[in-house]
Protein backbone atom coordinates (compact mmCIF):
# COMPACT_ATOMS: atom_id res chain seq x y z
CA MET A 1 -4.84 5.39 -21.34
CA SER A 2 -2.09 2.77 -21.14
CA GLY A 3 0.48 2.61 -18.43
CA HIS A 4 2.57 0.65 -15.98
CA SER A 5 0.60 -1.57 -13.60
CA LYS A 6 1.27 -1.61 -9.89
CA TRP A 7 -0.52 -4.95 -9.86
CA ALA A 8 1.73 -6.33 -12.59
CA ASN A 9 4.70 -5.54 -10.39
CA ILE A 10 3.35 -7.34 -7.32
CA ARG A 11 1.35 -10.21 -8.77
CA PHE A 12 4.31 -12.62 -8.75
CA ARG A 13 4.66 -11.91 -5.02
CA LYS A 14 1.01 -12.64 -4.21
CA ALA A 15 1.67 -16.13 -2.87
CA ALA A 16 4.32 -14.77 -0.53
CA GLN A 17 2.00 -11.98 0.56
CA ASP A 18 -0.81 -14.44 1.22
CA ALA A 19 1.58 -16.41 3.41
CA LYS A 20 2.18 -13.22 5.39
CA ARG A 21 -1.53 -12.47 5.79
CA GLY A 22 -1.24 -12.61 9.59
CA LYS A 23 1.38 -9.86 9.51
CA ILE A 24 -0.68 -7.84 7.01
CA PHE A 25 -3.67 -8.05 9.35
CA THR A 26 -1.52 -6.96 12.29
CA LYS A 27 -0.43 -3.83 10.40
CA LEU A 28 -3.97 -3.05 9.25
CA ILE A 29 -5.28 -3.40 12.81
CA ARG A 30 -2.51 -1.12 14.06
CA GLU A 31 -3.49 1.54 11.50
CA ILE A 32 -7.20 1.25 12.39
CA THR A 33 -6.45 1.50 16.12
CA THR A 34 -4.18 4.53 15.66
CA ALA A 35 -6.63 6.28 13.34
CA ALA A 36 -9.45 5.76 15.86
CA ARG A 37 -7.28 6.96 18.72
CA MET A 38 -6.27 10.14 16.85
CA GLY A 39 -9.57 11.04 15.18
CA GLY A 40 -12.32 9.13 16.96
CA GLY A 41 -14.24 5.97 16.14
CA ASP A 42 -16.80 7.47 13.73
CA GLU A 43 -15.82 6.57 10.16
CA SER A 44 -18.02 9.30 8.69
CA SER A 45 -16.05 12.05 10.46
CA ASN A 46 -12.61 10.40 10.44
CA PRO A 47 -11.27 10.06 6.86
CA ARG A 48 -8.10 8.24 7.94
CA LEU A 49 -10.16 5.65 9.82
CA ARG A 50 -12.58 5.21 6.93
CA SER A 51 -9.73 4.60 4.48
CA ALA A 52 -8.12 2.13 6.88
CA VAL A 53 -11.38 0.22 7.25
CA VAL A 54 -11.91 0.07 3.48
CA ALA A 55 -8.36 -1.25 3.00
CA ALA A 56 -8.94 -3.88 5.70
CA LEU A 57 -12.21 -5.01 4.13
CA ALA A 58 -10.41 -5.31 0.78
CA GLN A 59 -8.11 -7.84 2.52
CA ASN A 60 -11.21 -9.74 3.74
CA MET A 61 -10.86 -8.68 7.38
CA THR A 62 -14.12 -9.24 9.25
CA ARG A 63 -16.23 -6.38 10.59
CA ASP A 64 -15.96 -7.86 14.11
CA THR A 65 -12.15 -7.66 13.98
CA ILE A 66 -12.33 -4.09 12.68
CA LYS A 67 -14.78 -3.09 15.43
CA ARG A 68 -12.51 -4.49 18.13
CA ALA A 69 -9.59 -2.51 16.70
CA ILE A 70 -11.66 0.70 16.67
CA ASP A 71 -12.87 0.11 20.23
CA ARG A 72 -9.28 -0.46 21.35
CA GLY A 73 -8.20 2.80 19.72
CA VAL A 74 -11.03 4.85 21.20
CA GLY A 75 -10.41 3.34 24.62
CA GLY A 76 -6.67 4.05 24.56
CA GLY A 77 -4.43 1.55 26.31
CA GLU A 78 -2.24 -0.69 24.15
CA GLY A 79 -0.55 1.21 21.34
CA ALA A 80 -1.36 4.65 22.79
CA ASP A 81 2.32 5.65 22.70
CA LEU A 82 2.95 4.73 19.06
CA GLU A 83 4.22 7.51 16.79
CA ASN A 84 4.28 7.79 13.02
CA ILE A 85 7.66 8.28 11.37
CA THR A 86 8.75 8.03 7.73
CA TYR A 87 12.25 7.12 6.53
CA GLU A 88 13.51 7.89 3.03
CA GLY A 89 16.38 6.34 1.15
CA TYR A 90 17.76 4.64 -1.93
CA GLY A 91 18.09 1.05 -3.04
CA VAL A 92 20.43 -0.36 -5.67
CA GLY A 93 20.15 1.27 -9.07
CA GLY A 94 19.03 4.55 -7.48
CA VAL A 95 15.58 3.22 -6.57
CA ALA A 96 13.69 5.70 -4.36
CA VAL A 97 12.18 4.15 -1.22
CA MET A 98 9.87 5.49 1.48
CA VAL A 99 9.25 3.50 4.67
CA GLU A 100 6.28 4.40 6.88
CA CYS A 101 6.58 3.18 10.46
CA MET A 102 4.65 3.17 13.73
CA THR A 103 6.95 2.90 16.69
CA ASP A 104 7.36 3.43 20.41
CA ASN A 105 11.17 3.43 20.07
CA HIS A 106 12.70 5.61 17.36
CA ASN A 107 16.25 4.37 17.97
CA ARG A 108 15.28 0.73 17.52
CA THR A 109 13.24 1.43 14.39
CA ALA A 110 15.91 3.61 12.78
CA SER A 111 18.54 0.95 13.44
CA ASP A 112 16.41 -1.84 11.98
CA VAL A 113 15.48 0.18 8.88
CA ARG A 114 19.08 1.28 8.30
CA HIS A 115 20.30 -2.32 8.58
CA ALA A 116 17.79 -3.52 5.96
CA PHE A 117 18.93 -0.78 3.56
CA THR A 118 22.67 -1.36 3.96
CA LYS A 119 22.44 -5.16 3.91
CA PHE A 120 21.14 -5.03 0.34
CA GLY A 121 23.26 -2.20 -1.05
CA GLY A 122 20.98 0.72 -0.22
CA ASN A 123 21.33 3.68 2.09
CA LEU A 124 19.12 5.94 4.18
CA GLY A 125 18.72 9.53 3.01
CA THR A 126 17.66 12.71 4.75
CA SER A 127 14.04 13.76 5.18
CA GLY A 128 12.72 14.98 1.82
CA SER A 129 15.45 13.28 -0.21
CA VAL A 130 12.96 11.18 -2.20
CA GLY A 131 9.58 12.30 -0.88
CA TYR A 132 9.16 14.84 -3.68
CA LEU A 133 8.97 11.93 -6.15
CA PHE A 134 5.78 10.54 -4.56
CA THR A 135 2.17 11.68 -4.30
CA ARG A 136 -0.35 10.15 -1.89
CA LYS A 137 -3.22 8.66 -3.90
CA GLY A 138 -5.87 6.01 -3.61
CA VAL A 139 -5.09 3.06 -5.90
CA ILE A 140 -7.83 0.56 -6.76
CA SER A 141 -6.63 -2.29 -8.96
CA PHE A 142 -8.46 -4.83 -11.10
CA ALA A 143 -6.60 -7.70 -12.76
CA PRO A 144 -7.39 -10.78 -14.87
CA ASP A 145 -8.02 -13.99 -12.94
CA GLU A 146 -6.11 -17.22 -13.57
CA ASP A 147 -8.24 -17.83 -16.67
CA GLY A 148 -7.44 -14.38 -18.02
CA LYS A 149 -10.94 -13.02 -17.38
CA MET A 150 -11.63 -9.54 -15.98
CA ASN A 151 -14.60 -8.73 -13.74
CA ILE A 152 -14.75 -5.23 -15.28
CA ASP A 153 -13.79 -3.51 -18.52
CA GLU A 154 -12.34 -0.05 -19.07
CA GLU A 155 -15.66 1.52 -20.04
CA LYS A 156 -17.40 0.26 -16.89
CA ALA A 157 -14.43 1.25 -14.72
CA MET A 158 -14.61 4.79 -16.11
CA GLU A 159 -18.38 4.98 -15.71
CA ILE A 160 -18.35 3.90 -12.05
CA GLY A 161 -15.03 5.41 -11.03
CA LEU A 162 -15.38 8.90 -12.49
CA GLU A 163 -18.96 9.24 -11.28
CA ALA A 164 -17.83 8.35 -7.74
CA GLY A 165 -14.98 10.89 -7.80
CA ALA A 166 -11.93 9.09 -9.27
CA ASP A 167 -9.22 11.22 -10.86
CA ASP A 168 -7.91 8.81 -13.49
CA ILE A 169 -8.41 5.31 -14.90
CA VAL A 170 -5.38 3.59 -16.42
CA THR A 171 -5.54 0.43 -18.54
CA ASN A 172 -2.21 -1.37 -18.56
CA ASP A 173 -0.42 -3.48 -21.15
CA ASP A 174 -1.20 -6.68 -19.22
CA GLY A 175 -4.95 -5.97 -19.24
CA SER A 176 -5.12 -4.81 -15.62
CA ILE A 177 -6.86 -1.57 -14.69
CA ASP A 178 -5.80 0.91 -12.02
CA VAL A 179 -8.21 3.54 -10.73
CA TYR A 180 -6.57 6.54 -9.05
CA THR A 181 -8.28 8.82 -6.54
CA THR A 182 -7.45 11.48 -4.01
CA PRO A 183 -7.09 10.06 -0.48
CA GLU A 184 -10.35 11.81 0.43
CA ALA A 185 -12.32 10.17 -2.40
CA PHE A 186 -10.76 6.72 -1.99
CA ALA A 187 -13.42 5.14 0.25
CA ASP A 188 -16.31 6.52 -1.82
CA VAL A 189 -14.87 5.08 -5.04
CA VAL A 190 -14.16 1.64 -3.54
CA GLU A 191 -17.69 1.50 -2.16
CA ALA A 192 -19.12 2.51 -5.53
CA PHE A 193 -17.48 -0.50 -7.19
CA GLU A 194 -18.57 -2.84 -4.41
CA LYS A 195 -22.17 -1.61 -4.70
CA ASN A 196 -21.95 -2.84 -8.30
CA ASN A 197 -20.65 -6.22 -7.04
CA ILE A 198 -17.20 -5.54 -8.51
CA LYS A 199 -14.38 -6.32 -6.08
CA PRO A 200 -10.85 -5.04 -6.71
CA VAL A 201 -7.81 -7.29 -6.30
CA ASN A 202 -6.12 -4.53 -4.31
CA ALA A 203 -7.29 -1.26 -2.79
CA GLU A 204 -5.14 1.05 -0.70
CA VAL A 205 -4.07 4.63 -0.16
CA SER A 206 -0.49 4.56 -1.42
CA MET A 207 2.44 6.79 -2.28
CA VAL A 208 2.55 6.74 -6.09
CA PRO A 209 5.89 7.63 -7.74
CA SER A 210 6.08 10.16 -10.55
CA THR A 211 8.99 8.31 -12.20
CA GLU A 212 10.15 4.70 -12.32
CA SER A 213 13.53 3.05 -12.08
CA GLU A 214 13.76 -0.10 -14.19
CA LEU A 215 15.82 -2.92 -12.72
CA GLU A 216 17.10 -6.15 -14.22
CA GLY A 217 18.99 -9.23 -13.05
CA ASP A 218 20.89 -9.11 -9.77
CA GLN A 219 19.87 -5.53 -9.04
CA ALA A 220 16.19 -6.45 -9.27
CA VAL A 221 16.66 -9.44 -6.96
CA LYS A 222 18.65 -7.42 -4.42
CA CYS A 223 16.11 -4.60 -4.40
CA MET A 224 13.18 -6.98 -3.96
CA ARG A 225 14.95 -8.69 -1.07
CA MET A 226 15.51 -5.32 0.56
CA ILE A 227 11.83 -4.46 0.22
CA ASP A 228 10.86 -7.83 1.70
CA ALA A 229 13.27 -7.29 4.62
CA LEU A 230 11.78 -3.86 5.31
CA GLU A 231 8.21 -5.16 5.12
CA ASP A 232 9.06 -7.91 7.59
CA LEU A 233 10.06 -5.42 10.30
CA ASP A 234 7.45 -5.21 13.07
CA ASP A 235 7.54 -1.40 13.18
CA VAL A 236 7.07 -0.97 9.43
CA GLN A 237 3.57 -0.25 8.16
CA ASN A 238 4.20 0.41 4.45
CA VAL A 239 7.08 0.40 1.98
CA TYR A 240 6.77 2.49 -1.17
CA HIS A 241 9.25 2.52 -4.05
CA ASN A 242 9.63 3.45 -7.71
CA ALA A 243 11.28 0.21 -8.86
CA SER A 244 9.97 -1.51 -11.96
CA PHE A 245 10.69 -5.24 -11.91
CA PRO A 246 10.74 -7.66 -14.86
CA ASP A 247 7.72 -9.97 -15.07
CA ASP A 248 9.93 -13.06 -14.92
CA LEU A 249 11.73 -12.03 -11.73
CA GLU A 250 12.29 -14.95 -9.37
CA ILE A 251 13.41 -14.57 -5.76
């Protein structure tokens, strides 16, 4: 099956994301700590924690760092008053955007998120205004390296993924492969690939859009800057959108 690649849309931002690795780790640790606080420190009986740990390992976080985050969550203390809240809205060109936050101050977070939207031509919507366009799924991505070589082909991805409980395997026009799972099967499928010494370039439980909004030129630049501004906010954990950006987009 051929389709649009999530990886194709973010690969040109990888250098910028690598530069923000400290912030990425901070958000992953916050998710691990919150998951442990809410559901306990046993990964086998806490699906949210297990998925958070798998996502952290995919970003090369060490087991020691993960253990400290779990211990902090189980022990309470710092971060015990954080709440989850999701904002929904639109960017330029009608792009649907969902912003997942963890916050101890709803007024501050809402103000910061609203400012990022309006600064780049977007606007906040009401709860449910765009949520119906997204489905929570595990997304495990494989992409060619700098030499154009893949560490897995479609046949092997189907063999390992479907046997481990994946729902769908999509091969994209750029040669990348996306494996989709339910949130519950996500960790099992990632671990199945890693047991075969096949490491994905990206693995996360994400909100996958049912439709896409293609952007070009100034609209694409403005939307990407809005997404970057939202991701830079301390209270923001994840930003999901249905924008499709041109491969040659430069910020």
